[in-house]
Amino acid sequence: MATKTPSTTDIADEDLEPLADETARQAQRVVAAYAADADECRMLLSMLGIAPNNRLD
Protein backbone atom coordinates (compact mmCIF):
# COMPACT_ATOMS: atom_id res chain seq x y z
CA MET A 1 0.00 0.00 0.00
CA ALA A 2 1.41 3.39 -0.98
CA THR A 3 1.94 6.07 1.62
CA LYS A 4 0.61 9.54 0.90
CA THR A 5 3.46 11.94 0.34
CA PRO A 6 2.98 15.67 0.74
CA SER A 7 2.96 17.67 -2.46
CA THR A 8 3.52 21.33 -3.13
CA THR A 9 -0.26 21.85 -3.35
CA ASP A 10 -0.99 20.70 0.21
CA ILE A 11 -2.19 23.47 2.52
CA ALA A 12 -1.51 23.42 6.25
CA ASP A 13 -4.45 24.09 8.58
CA GLU A 14 -2.79 27.21 9.94
CA ASP A 15 -2.60 28.65 6.41
CA LEU A 16 -6.40 28.54 5.94
CA GLU A 17 -8.36 31.77 6.26
CA PRO A 18 -11.70 31.86 8.08
CA LEU A 19 -14.73 31.97 5.79
CA ALA A 20 -16.49 35.32 5.52
CA ASP A 21 -20.00 35.34 7.02
CA GLU A 22 -21.68 36.24 3.72
CA THR A 23 -19.76 33.52 1.86
CA ALA A 24 -20.79 30.95 4.48
CA ARG A 25 -24.45 32.03 4.20
CA GLN A 26 -24.36 31.69 0.41
CA ALA A 27 -22.79 28.24 0.69
CA GLN A 28 -25.43 27.22 3.24
CA ARG A 29 -28.19 28.25 0.81
CA VAL A 30 -26.66 26.21 -2.02
CA VAL A 31 -26.31 23.12 0.19
CA ALA A 32 -29.88 23.51 1.44
CA ALA A 33 -31.19 23.81 -2.11
CA TYR A 34 -29.58 20.56 -3.24
CA ALA A 35 -29.97 18.45 -0.07
CA ALA A 36 -32.59 15.71 -0.22
CA ASP A 37 -33.92 16.46 3.27
CA ALA A 38 -33.13 18.32 6.49
CA ASP A 39 -30.95 15.53 7.91
CA GLU A 40 -28.80 15.43 4.78
CA CYS A 41 -28.54 19.23 4.83
CA ARG A 42 -27.34 19.23 8.45
CA MET A 43 -24.82 16.48 7.70
CA LEU A 44 -23.41 18.25 4.64
CA LEU A 45 -23.18 21.62 6.40
CA SER A 46 -21.34 19.97 9.28
CA MET A 47 -18.97 18.10 6.97
CA LEU A 48 -18.15 21.32 5.12
CA GLY A 49 -17.63 23.24 8.37
CA ILE A 50 -20.33 25.77 7.54
CA ALA A 51 -23.06 24.67 9.95
CA PRO A 52 -24.96 27.67 11.33
CA ASN A 53 -24.15 28.79 14.85
CA ASN A 54 -26.57 27.69 17.54
CA ARG A 55 -26.13 30.87 19.56
CA LEU A 56 -29.11 32.55 21.15
CA ASP A 57 -28.13 36.21 20.76
C-alpha atoms as a PDB file:
ATOM      1  CA  MET A   1       0.000   0.000   0.000  1.00  0.00           C
ATOM      2  CA  ALA A   2       1.413   3.389  -0.976  1.00  0.00           C
ATOM      3  CA  THR A   3       1.938   6.072   1.623  1.00  0.00           C
ATOM      4  CA  LYS A   4       0.610   9.544   0.898  1.00  0.00           C
ATOM      5  CA  THR A   5       3.462  11.943   0.342  1.00  0.00           C
ATOM      6  CA  PRO A   6       2.975  15.674   0.739  1.00  0.00           C
ATOM      7  CA  SER A   7       2.959  17.672  -2.463  1.00  0.00           C
ATOM      8  CA  THR A   8       3.517  21.327  -3.130  1.00  0.00           C
ATOM      9  CA  THR A   9      -0.263  21.854  -3.354  1.00  0.00           C
ATOM     10  CA  ASP A  10      -0.989  20.696   0.212  1.00  0.00           C
ATOM     11  CA  ILE A  11      -2.193  23.475   2.519  1.00  0.00           C
ATOM     12  CA  ALA A  12      -1.510  23.420   6.248  1.00  0.00           C
ATOM     13  CA  ASP A  13      -4.450  24.086   8.577  1.00  0.00           C
ATOM     14  CA  GLU A  14      -2.786  27.209   9.942  1.00  0.00           C
ATOM     15  CA  ASP A  15      -2.605  28.654   6.405  1.00  0.00           C
ATOM     16  CA  LEU A  16      -6.399  28.539   5.938  1.00  0.00           C
ATOM     17  CA  GLU A  17      -8.360  31.773   6.262  1.00  0.00           C
ATOM     18  CA  PRO A  18     -11.703  31.861   8.084  1.00  0.00           C
ATOM     19  CA  LEU A  19     -14.727  31.970   5.791  1.00  0.00           C
ATOM     20  CA  ALA A  20     -16.489  35.324   5.522  1.00  0.00           C
ATOM     21  CA  ASP A  21     -19.996  35.344   7.016  1.00  0.00           C
ATOM     22  CA  GLU A  22     -21.683  36.243   3.722  1.00  0.00           C
ATOM     23  CA  THR A  23     -19.762  33.520   1.862  1.00  0.00           C
ATOM     24  CA  ALA A  24     -20.792  30.950   4.476  1.00  0.00           C
ATOM     25  CA  ARG A  25     -24.445  32.033   4.196  1.00  0.00           C
ATOM     26  CA  GLN A  26     -24.356  31.691   0.414  1.00  0.00           C
ATOM     27  CA  ALA A  27     -22.788  28.240   0.691  1.00  0.00           C
ATOM     28  CA  GLN A  28     -25.428  27.217   3.241  1.00  0.00           C
ATOM     29  CA  ARG A  29     -28.185  28.245   0.811  1.00  0.00           C
ATOM     30  CA  VAL A  30     -26.661  26.210  -2.020  1.00  0.00           C
ATOM     31  CA  VAL A  31     -26.310  23.123   0.190  1.00  0.00           C
ATOM     32  CA  ALA A  32     -29.884  23.508   1.444  1.00  0.00           C
ATOM     33  CA  ALA A  33     -31.192  23.808  -2.112  1.00  0.00           C
ATOM     34  CA  TYR A  34     -29.575  20.557  -3.236  1.00  0.00           C
ATOM     35  CA  ALA A  35     -29.969  18.453  -0.071  1.00  0.00           C
ATOM     36  CA  ALA A  36     -32.589  15.708  -0.222  1.00  0.00           C
ATOM     37  CA  ASP A  37     -33.922  16.456   3.268  1.00  0.00           C
ATOM     38  CA  ALA A  38     -33.128  18.320   6.491  1.00  0.00           C
ATOM     39  CA  ASP A  39     -30.948  15.533   7.907  1.00  0.00           C
ATOM     40  CA  GLU A  40     -28.800  15.435   4.778  1.00  0.00           C
ATOM     41  CA  CYS A  41     -28.536  19.228   4.833  1.00  0.00           C
ATOM     42  CA  ARG A  42     -27.342  19.228   8.453  1.00  0.00           C
ATOM     43  CA  MET A  43     -24.815  16.476   7.699  1.00  0.00           C
ATOM     44  CA  LEU A  44     -23.408  18.248   4.644  1.00  0.00           C
ATOM     45  CA  LEU A  45     -23.178  21.617   6.400  1.00  0.00           C
ATOM     46  CA  SER A  46     -21.339  19.969   9.279  1.00  0.00           C
ATOM     47  CA  MET A  47     -18.971  18.100   6.969  1.00  0.00           C
ATOM     48  CA  LEU A  48     -18.154  21.321   5.118  1.00  0.00           C
ATOM     49  CA  GLY A  49     -17.633  23.236   8.366  1.00  0.00           C
ATOM     50  CA  ILE A  50     -20.328  25.770   7.541  1.00  0.00           C
ATOM     51  CA  ALA A  51     -23.059  24.670   9.949  1.00  0.00           C
ATOM     52  CA  PRO A  52     -24.955  27.667  11.331  1.00  0.00           C
ATOM     53  CA  ASN A  53     -24.147  28.792  14.854  1.00  0.00           C
ATOM     54  CA  ASN A  54     -26.566  27.685  17.539  1.00  0.00           C
ATOM     55  CA  ARG A  55     -26.128  30.871  19.556  1.00  0.00           C
ATOM     56  CA  LEU A  56     -29.111  32.545  21.152  1.00  0.00           C
ATOM     57  CA  ASP A  57     -28.134  36.210  20.764  1.00  0.00           C
END
